[in-house]
Amino acid sequence: MLKSVKRTSIVLSVLPMLGLLGACKTTPTTGTDDVCLIWQPITYSASGDTPRTVDEIRALNARRDAYCK
């Protein structure tokens, strides 16, 4: 009888852990799509921004375009 009590207590202590493992499932996502929804092109003013700022913004937008094809 003592063995069955131990076995029952072990089973009862493991069951909640199994429930937690089932709750940790992840669903695959496509990182590129998610990032490209957030990472929008930046605009600039050719007359109001410095040439260096315009070049940096164009470079950033080009990186975005290459990544989010």
PDB file of N, CA and C in Angstrom:
ATOM      1  N   MET A   1       0.822  -1.197   0.000  1.00  0.00           N
ATOM      2  CA  MET A   1       0.000   0.000   0.000  1.00  0.00           C
ATOM      3  C   MET A   1       0.862   1.255   0.000  1.00  0.00           C
ATOM      4  N   LEU A   2       1.977   1.238   0.664  1.00  0.00           N
ATOM      5  CA  LEU A   2       2.858   2.393   0.731  1.00  0.00           C
ATOM      6  C   LEU A   2       3.404   2.749  -0.646  1.00  0.00           C
ATOM      7  N   LYS A   3       3.690   1.732  -1.489  1.00  0.00           N
ATOM      8  CA  LYS A   3       4.183   1.983  -2.830  1.00  0.00           C
ATOM      9  C   LYS A   3       3.142   2.718  -3.669  1.00  0.00           C
ATOM     10  N   SER A   4       1.896   2.330  -3.552  1.00  0.00           N
ATOM     11  CA  SER A   4       0.856   2.978  -4.360  1.00  0.00           C
ATOM     12  C   SER A   4       0.649   4.426  -3.922  1.00  0.00           C
ATOM     13  N   VAL A   5       0.837   4.722  -2.665  1.00  0.00           N
ATOM     14  CA  VAL A   5       0.709   6.103  -2.184  1.00  0.00           C
ATOM     15  C   VAL A   5       1.849   6.947  -2.746  1.00  0.00           C
ATOM     16  N   LYS A   6       3.065   6.408  -2.738  1.00  0.00           N
ATOM     17  CA  LYS A   6       4.198   7.133  -3.285  1.00  0.00           C
ATOM     18  C   LYS A   6       4.009   7.362  -4.787  1.00  0.00           C
ATOM     19  N   ARG A   7       3.575   6.327  -5.486  1.00  0.00           N
ATOM     20  CA  ARG A   7       3.383   6.431  -6.921  1.00  0.00           C
ATOM     21  C   ARG A   7       2.315   7.481  -7.236  1.00  0.00           C
ATOM     22  N   THR A   8       1.250   7.492  -6.485  1.00  0.00           N
ATOM     23  CA  THR A   8       0.182   8.457  -6.694  1.00  0.00           C
ATOM     24  C   THR A   8       0.666   9.874  -6.427  1.00  0.00           C
ATOM     25  N   SER A   9       1.455  10.051  -5.378  1.00  0.00           N
ATOM     26  CA  SER A   9       1.932  11.393  -5.066  1.00  0.00           C
ATOM     27  C   SER A   9       2.916  11.879  -6.128  1.00  0.00           C
ATOM     28  N   ILE A  10       3.717  10.981  -6.682  1.00  0.00           N
ATOM     29  CA  ILE A  10       4.645  11.366  -7.747  1.00  0.00           C
ATOM     30  C   ILE A  10       3.855  11.780  -8.991  1.00  0.00           C
ATOM     31  N   VAL A  11       2.854  10.991  -9.345  1.00  0.00           N
ATOM     32  CA  VAL A  11       2.039  11.303 -10.522  1.00  0.00           C
ATOM     33  C   VAL A  11       1.335  12.644 -10.330  1.00  0.00           C
ATOM     34  N   LEU A  12       0.801  12.868  -9.155  1.00  0.00           N
ATOM     35  CA  LEU A  12       0.089  14.119  -8.899  1.00  0.00           C
ATOM     36  C   LEU A  12       1.024  15.321  -8.890  1.00  0.00           C
ATOM     37  N   SER A  13       2.283  15.117  -8.553  1.00  0.00           N
ATOM     38  CA  SER A  13       3.223  16.236  -8.563  1.00  0.00           C
ATOM     39  C   SER A  13       3.761  16.515  -9.971  1.00  0.00           C
ATOM     40  N   VAL A  14       3.739  15.527 -10.844  1.00  0.00           N
ATOM     41  CA  VAL A  14       4.240  15.702 -12.208  1.00  0.00           C
ATOM     42  C   VAL A  14       3.166  16.270 -13.133  1.00  0.00           C
ATOM     43  N   LEU A  15       1.923  15.980 -12.908  1.00  0.00           N
ATOM     44  CA  LEU A  15       0.846  16.429 -13.790  1.00  0.00           C
ATOM     45  C   LEU A  15       0.817  17.944 -13.996  1.00  0.00           C
ATOM     46  N   PRO A  16       0.941  18.752 -12.940  1.00  0.00           N
ATOM     47  CA  PRO A  16       0.946  20.205 -13.187  1.00  0.00           C
ATOM     48  C   PRO A  16       2.118  20.652 -14.061  1.00  0.00           C
ATOM     49  N   MET A  17       3.251  19.989 -13.939  1.00  0.00           N
ATOM     50  CA  MET A  17       4.409  20.343 -14.767  1.00  0.00           C
ATOM     51  C   MET A  17       4.125  20.055 -16.233  1.00  0.00           C
ATOM     52  N   LEU A  18       3.462  18.984 -16.516  1.00  0.00           N
ATOM     53  CA  LEU A  18       3.122  18.657 -17.895  1.00  0.00           C
ATOM     54  C   LEU A  18       2.167  19.696 -18.476  1.00  0.00           C
ATOM     55  N   GLY A  19       1.276  20.186 -17.661  1.00  0.00           N
ATOM     56  CA  GLY A  19       0.367  21.237 -18.110  1.00  0.00           C
ATOM     57  C   GLY A  19       1.112  22.510 -18.449  1.00  0.00           C
ATOM     58  N   LEU A  20       2.139  22.829 -17.674  1.00  0.00           N
ATOM     59  CA  LEU A  20       2.932  24.022 -17.953  1.00  0.00           C
ATOM     60  C   LEU A  20       3.712  23.883 -19.251  1.00  0.00           C
ATOM     61  N   LEU A  21       4.200  22.691 -19.529  1.00  0.00           N
ATOM     62  CA  LEU A  21       4.954  22.492 -20.767  1.00  0.00           C
ATOM     63  C   LEU A  21       4.070  22.703 -21.983  1.00  0.00           C
ATOM     64  N   GLY A  22       2.838  22.296 -21.898  1.00  0.00           N
ATOM     65  CA  GLY A  22       1.920  22.489 -23.010  1.00  0.00           C
ATOM     66  C   GLY A  22       1.587  23.954 -23.235  1.00  0.00           C
ATOM     67  N   ALA A  23       1.665  24.750 -22.208  1.00  0.00           N
ATOM     68  CA  ALA A  23       1.335  26.160 -22.324  1.00  0.00           C
ATOM     69  C   ALA A  23       2.467  26.985 -22.906  1.00  0.00           C
ATOM     70  N   CYS A  24       3.631  26.403 -23.074  1.00  0.00           N
ATOM     71  CA  CYS A  24       4.790  27.151 -23.556  1.00  0.00           C
ATOM     72  C   CYS A  24       5.013  27.010 -25.048  1.00  0.00           C
ATOM     73  N   LYS A  25       4.017  26.581 -25.780  1.00  0.00           N
ATOM     74  CA  LYS A  25       4.174  26.429 -27.218  1.00  0.00           C
ATOM     75  C   LYS A  25       4.305  27.799 -27.865  1.00  0.00           C
ATOM     76  N   THR A  26       5.131  27.876 -28.877  1.00  0.00           N
ATOM     77  CA  THR A  26       5.263  29.114 -29.623  1.00  0.00           C
ATOM     78  C   THR A  26       4.816  28.865 -31.054  1.00  0.00           C
ATOM     79  N   THR A  27       4.314  29.900 -31.665  1.00  0.00           N
ATOM     80  CA  THR A  27       3.912  29.779 -33.051  1.00  0.00           C
ATOM     81  C   THR A  27       4.960  30.478 -33.905  1.00  0.00           C
ATOM     82  N   PRO A  28       5.351  29.856 -34.995  1.00  0.00           N
ATOM     83  CA  PRO A  28       6.370  30.475 -35.835  1.00  0.00           C
ATOM     84  C   PRO A  28       5.840  31.731 -36.506  1.00  0.00           C
ATOM     85  N   THR A  29       6.682  32.729 -36.590  1.00  0.00           N
ATOM     86  CA  THR A  29       6.317  33.962 -37.272  1.00  0.00           C
ATOM     87  C   THR A  29       7.387  34.287 -38.293  1.00  0.00           C
ATOM     88  N   THR A  30       7.029  35.097 -39.223  1.00  0.00           N
ATOM     89  CA  THR A  30       8.021  35.538 -40.198  1.00  0.00           C
ATOM     90  C   THR A  30       8.526  36.888 -39.736  1.00  0.00           C
ATOM     91  N   GLY A  31       9.754  36.916 -39.272  1.00  0.00           N
ATOM     92  CA  GLY A  31      10.338  38.136 -38.721  1.00  0.00           C
ATOM     93  C   GLY A  31      10.387  39.277 -39.708  1.00  0.00           C
ATOM     94  N   THR A  32      10.656  38.973 -40.953  1.00  0.00           N
ATOM     95  CA  THR A  32      10.768  40.030 -41.953  1.00  0.00           C
ATOM     96  C   THR A  32       9.455  40.779 -42.088  1.00  0.00           C
ATOM     97  N   ASP A  33       8.347  40.072 -42.175  1.00  0.00           N
ATOM     98  CA  ASP A  33       7.056  40.732 -42.331  1.00  0.00           C
ATOM     99  C   ASP A  33       6.731  41.628 -41.147  1.00  0.00           C
ATOM    100  N   ASP A  34       6.991  41.135 -39.938  1.00  0.00           N
ATOM    101  CA  ASP A  34       6.700  41.918 -38.745  1.00  0.00           C
ATOM    102  C   ASP A  34       7.556  43.172 -38.677  1.00  0.00           C
ATOM    103  N   VAL A  35       8.816  43.031 -38.979  1.00  0.00           N
ATOM    104  CA  VAL A  35       9.732  44.173 -38.923  1.00  0.00           C
ATOM    105  C   VAL A  35       9.361  45.200 -39.981  1.00  0.00           C
ATOM    106  N   CYS A  36       9.004  44.731 -41.157  1.00  0.00           N
ATOM    107  CA  CYS A  36       8.714  45.649 -42.259  1.00  0.00           C
ATOM    108  C   CYS A  36       7.414  46.416 -42.050  1.00  0.00           C
ATOM    109  N   LEU A  37       6.524  45.890 -41.219  1.00  0.00           N
ATOM    110  CA  LEU A  37       5.322  46.652 -40.879  1.00  0.00           C
ATOM    111  C   LEU A  37       5.652  47.850 -40.004  1.00  0.00           C
ATOM    112  N   ILE A  38       6.660  47.701 -39.175  1.00  0.00           N
ATOM    113  CA  ILE A  38       7.037  48.757 -38.241  1.00  0.00           C
ATOM    114  C   ILE A  38       8.066  49.698 -38.846  1.00  0.00           C
ATOM    115  N   TRP A  39       9.015  49.140 -39.583  1.00  0.00           N
ATOM    116  CA  TRP A  39      10.142  49.906 -40.118  1.00  0.00           C
ATOM    117  C   TRP A  39       9.719  50.599 -41.403  1.00  0.00           C
ATOM    118  N   GLN A  40       9.184  51.763 -41.280  1.00  0.00           N
ATOM    119  CA  GLN A  40       8.713  52.539 -42.427  1.00  0.00           C
ATOM    120  C   GLN A  40       9.823  53.439 -42.953  1.00  0.00           C
ATOM    121  N   PRO A  41       9.779  53.760 -44.239  1.00  0.00           N
ATOM    122  CA  PRO A  41      10.788  54.669 -44.789  1.00  0.00           C
ATOM    123  C   PRO A  41      10.720  56.037 -44.101  1.00  0.00           C
ATOM    124  N   ILE A  42      11.855  56.695 -44.030  1.00  0.00           N
ATOM    125  CA  ILE A  42      11.945  58.014 -43.407  1.00  0.00           C
ATOM    126  C   ILE A  42      11.934  59.065 -44.508  1.00  0.00           C
ATOM    127  N   THR A  43      11.233  60.141 -44.270  1.00  0.00           N
ATOM    128  CA  THR A  43      11.231  61.232 -45.241  1.00  0.00           C
ATOM    129  C   THR A  43      12.188  62.322 -44.783  1.00  0.00           C
ATOM    130  N   TYR A  44      12.561  63.157 -45.710  1.00  0.00           N
ATOM    131  CA  TYR A  44      13.478  64.255 -45.400  1.00  0.00           C
ATOM    132  C   TYR A  44      13.110  65.451 -46.254  1.00  0.00           C
ATOM    133  N   SER A  45      13.654  66.566 -45.887  1.00  0.00           N
ATOM    134  CA  SER A  45      13.452  67.793 -46.640  1.00  0.00           C
ATOM    135  C   SER A  45      14.771  68.141 -47.337  1.00  0.00           C
ATOM    136  N   ALA A  46      14.745  68.134 -48.650  1.00  0.00           N
ATOM    137  CA  ALA A  46      15.970  68.439 -49.406  1.00  0.00           C
ATOM    138  C   ALA A  46      16.424  69.870 -49.155  1.00  0.00           C
ATOM    139  N   SER A  47      15.475  70.763 -48.849  1.00  0.00           N
ATOM    140  CA  SER A  47      15.861  72.161 -48.614  1.00  0.00           C
ATOM    141  C   SER A  47      16.125  72.443 -47.136  1.00  0.00           C
ATOM    142  N   GLY A  48      15.542  71.637 -46.221  1.00  0.00           N
ATOM    143  CA  GLY A  48      15.668  71.919 -44.793  1.00  0.00           C
ATOM    144  C   GLY A  48      16.705  71.089 -44.061  1.00  0.00           C
ATOM    145  N   ASP A  49      17.091  69.943 -44.631  1.00  0.00           N
ATOM    146  CA  ASP A  49      18.071  69.073 -43.982  1.00  0.00           C
ATOM    147  C   ASP A  49      19.446  69.249 -44.622  1.00  0.00           C
ATOM    148  N   THR A  50      20.457  68.950 -43.844  1.00  0.00           N
ATOM    149  CA  THR A  50      21.823  69.050 -44.378  1.00  0.00           C
ATOM    150  C   THR A  50      22.061  67.914 -45.372  1.00  0.00           C
ATOM    151  N   PRO A  51      23.006  68.093 -46.274  1.00  0.00           N
ATOM    152  CA  PRO A  51      23.320  67.013 -47.222  1.00  0.00           C
ATOM    153  C   PRO A  51      23.714  65.707 -46.520  1.00  0.00           C
ATOM    154  N   ARG A  52      24.406  65.823 -45.405  1.00  0.00           N
ATOM    155  CA  ARG A  52      24.801  64.615 -44.665  1.00  0.00           C
ATOM    156  C   ARG A  52      23.559  63.888 -44.133  1.00  0.00           C
ATOM    157  N   THR A  53      22.594  64.622 -43.604  1.00  0.00           N
ATOM    158  CA  THR A  53      21.361  64.013 -43.093  1.00  0.00           C
ATOM    159  C   THR A  53      20.599  63.335 -44.226  1.00  0.00           C
ATOM    160  N   VAL A  54      20.502  64.002 -45.355  1.00  0.00           N
ATOM    161  CA  VAL A  54      19.800  63.427 -46.511  1.00  0.00           C
ATOM    162  C   VAL A  54      20.478  62.130 -46.950  1.00  0.00           C
ATOM    163  N   ASP A  55      21.810  62.125 -47.005  1.00  0.00           N
ATOM    164  CA  ASP A  55      22.543  60.917 -47.398  1.00  0.00           C
ATOM    165  C   ASP A  55      22.308  59.775 -46.409  1.00  0.00           C
ATOM    166  N   GLU A  56      22.325  60.099 -45.121  1.00  0.00           N
ATOM    167  CA  GLU A  56      22.114  59.059 -44.101  1.00  0.00           C
ATOM    168  C   GLU A  56      20.703  58.490 -44.180  1.00  0.00           C
ATOM    169  N   ILE A  57      19.718  59.341 -44.407  1.00  0.00           N
ATOM    170  CA  ILE A  57      18.336  58.867 -44.521  1.00  0.00           C
ATOM    171  C   ILE A  57      18.176  58.008 -45.771  1.00  0.00           C
ATOM    172  N   ARG A  58      18.775  58.433 -46.878  1.00  0.00           N
ATOM    173  CA  ARG A  58      18.707  57.625 -48.102  1.00  0.00           C
ATOM    174  C   ARG A  58      19.365  56.258 -47.888  1.00  0.00           C
ATOM    175  N   ALA A  59      20.482  56.229 -47.181  1.00  0.00           N
ATOM    176  CA  ALA A  59      21.171  54.963 -46.905  1.00  0.00           C
ATOM    177  C   ALA A  59      20.300  54.057 -46.020  1.00  0.00           C
ATOM    178  N   LEU A  60      19.671  54.627 -45.009  1.00  0.00           N
ATOM    179  CA  LEU A  60      18.797  53.838 -44.140  1.00  0.00           C
ATOM    180  C   LEU A  60      17.605  53.295 -44.917  1.00  0.00           C
ATOM    181  N   ASN A  61      17.009  54.123 -45.753  1.00  0.00           N
ATOM    182  CA  ASN A  61      15.873  53.671 -46.557  1.00  0.00           C
ATOM    183  C   ASN A  61      16.302  52.589 -47.547  1.00  0.00           C
ATOM    184  N   ALA A  62      17.506  52.685 -48.082  1.00  0.00           N
ATOM    185  CA  ALA A  62      18.005  51.647 -48.989  1.00  0.00           C
ATOM    186  C   ALA A  62      18.198  50.325 -48.255  1.00  0.00           C
ATOM    187  N   ARG A  63      18.691  50.374 -47.011  1.00  0.00           N
ATOM    188  CA  ARG A  63      18.835  49.153 -46.208  1.00  0.00           C
ATOM    189  C   ARG A  63      17.466  48.540 -45.941  1.00  0.00           C
ATOM    190  N   ARG A  64      16.485  49.377 -45.640  1.00  0.00           N
ATOM    191  CA  ARG A  64      15.130  48.890 -45.407  1.00  0.00           C
ATOM    192  C   ARG A  64      14.579  48.230 -46.658  1.00  0.00           C
ATOM    193  N   ASP A  65      14.755  48.884 -47.814  1.00  0.00           N
ATOM    194  CA  ASP A  65      14.254  48.328 -49.064  1.00  0.00           C
ATOM    195  C   ASP A  65      14.897  46.984 -49.385  1.00  0.00           C
ATOM    196  N   ALA A  66      16.184  46.863 -49.136  1.00  0.00           N
ATOM    197  CA  ALA A  66      16.880  45.608 -49.399  1.00  0.00           C
ATOM    198  C   ALA A  66      16.399  44.505 -48.454  1.00  0.00           C
ATOM    199  N   TYR A  67      16.112  44.847 -47.220  1.00  0.00           N
ATOM    200  CA  TYR A  67      15.682  43.871 -46.223  1.00  0.00           C
ATOM    201  C   TYR A  67      14.223  43.465 -46.426  1.00  0.00           C
ATOM    202  N   CYS A  68      13.387  44.403 -46.800  1.00  0.00           N
ATOM    203  CA  CYS A  68      11.941  44.165 -46.876  1.00  0.00           C
ATOM    204  C   CYS A  68      11.458  43.924 -48.310  1.00  0.00           C
ATOM    205  N   LYS A  69      12.243  43.325 -49.144  1.00  0.00           N
ATOM    206  CA  LYS A  69      11.851  43.058 -50.530  1.00  0.00           C
ATOM    207  C   LYS A  69      10.526  42.372 -50.606  1.00  0.00           C
TER     208      LYS A  69
END
